[in-house]
């Protein structure tokens, strides 16, 4: 059986671990939010660029075939 001091020590270590992990979790969560915001802005910019960009229209040249020359 463990002594009271050993249990206190283990409990203290466990609490330190939990606080460290909570801190890391908060940091990771905020980073994810920032990245999601950047992604949203990038998608909107791409969409705006596509809408702004004129479509490439093919040139329609109206070329008629020449009428056959009359024979004399």
Protein backbone atom coordinates (compact mmCIF):
# COMPACT_ATOMS: atom_id res chain seq x y z
CA UNK A 1 0.00 0.00 0.00
CA UNK A 2 1.27 3.48 -0.83
CA UNK A 3 1.86 6.04 1.86
CA UNK A 4 -0.03 9.33 2.06
CA UNK A 5 3.05 11.27 0.89
CA UNK A 6 3.41 9.06 -2.18
CA UNK A 7 -0.25 9.53 -3.03
CA UNK A 8 0.04 13.31 -2.60
CA UNK A 9 3.07 13.34 -4.88
CA UNK A 10 1.28 11.32 -7.58
CA UNK A 11 -1.78 13.52 -7.27
CA UNK A 12 0.35 16.63 -7.65
CA UNK A 13 2.00 15.19 -10.77
CA UNK A 14 -1.37 14.27 -12.24
CA UNK A 15 -2.70 17.79 -11.63
CA UNK A 16 0.38 19.29 -13.30
CA UNK A 17 -0.17 17.04 -16.30
CA UNK A 18 -3.83 18.02 -16.54
CA UNK A 19 -3.07 21.74 -16.37
CA UNK A 20 -0.36 21.41 -19.01
CA UNK A 21 -2.64 19.45 -21.31
CA UNK A 22 -5.47 21.97 -20.84
CA UNK A 23 -3.09 24.76 -21.77
CA UNK A 24 -1.97 22.88 -24.88
CA UNK A 25 -5.57 22.14 -25.78
CA UNK A 26 -6.56 25.80 -25.56
CA UNK A 27 -3.59 26.78 -27.72
CA UNK A 28 -4.41 24.13 -30.32
CA UNK A 29 -8.08 25.14 -30.36
CA UNK A 30 -7.25 28.78 -30.96
CA UNK A 31 -4.80 27.82 -33.70
CA UNK A 32 -7.46 25.71 -35.41
CA UNK A 33 -9.89 28.63 -35.30
CA UNK A 34 -7.31 30.95 -36.86
CA UNK A 35 -6.56 28.45 -39.62
CA UNK A 36 -10.27 27.93 -40.33
CA UNK A 37 -10.71 31.70 -40.64
CA UNK A 38 -7.79 31.89 -43.07
CA UNK A 39 -9.25 29.03 -45.10
CA UNK A 40 -12.62 30.76 -45.27
CA UNK A 41 -10.99 33.98 -46.49
CA UNK A 42 -8.92 32.11 -49.07
CA UNK A 43 -11.98 30.32 -50.46
CA UNK A 44 -13.88 33.61 -50.68
CA UNK A 45 -10.95 35.23 -52.48
CA UNK A 46 -10.76 32.38 -54.99
CA UNK A 47 -14.48 32.56 -55.60
CA UNK A 48 -14.32 36.33 -56.11
CA UNK A 49 -11.39 35.94 -58.47
CA UNK A 50 -13.27 33.38 -60.55
CA UNK A 51 -16.34 35.61 -60.69
CA UNK A 52 -14.26 38.65 -61.61
CA UNK A 53 -12.19 36.92 -64.27
CA UNK A 54 -13.81 37.24 -67.70
CA UNK A 55 -14.47 34.04 -69.50
CA UNK A 56 -12.33 33.25 -72.47
CA UNK A 57 -14.64 33.53 -75.42
CA UNK A 58 -13.60 31.98 -78.63
CA UNK A 59 -13.45 34.33 -81.54
CA UNK A 60 -16.10 33.63 -84.07
CA UNK A 61 -14.80 34.46 -87.46
CA UNK A 62 -17.51 34.41 -90.05
CA UNK A 63 -15.78 33.08 -93.08
CA UNK A 64 -17.93 32.22 -95.99
CA UNK A 65 -16.82 29.90 -98.67
CA UNK A 66 -16.11 31.72 -101.86
CA UNK A 67 -18.60 31.12 -104.59
CA UNK A 68 -17.22 29.07 -107.42
CA UNK A 69 -15.87 31.19 -110.24
CA UNK A 70 -17.98 31.39 -113.31
CA UNK A 71 -16.56 29.80 -116.39
CA UNK A 72 -16.51 31.91 -119.57
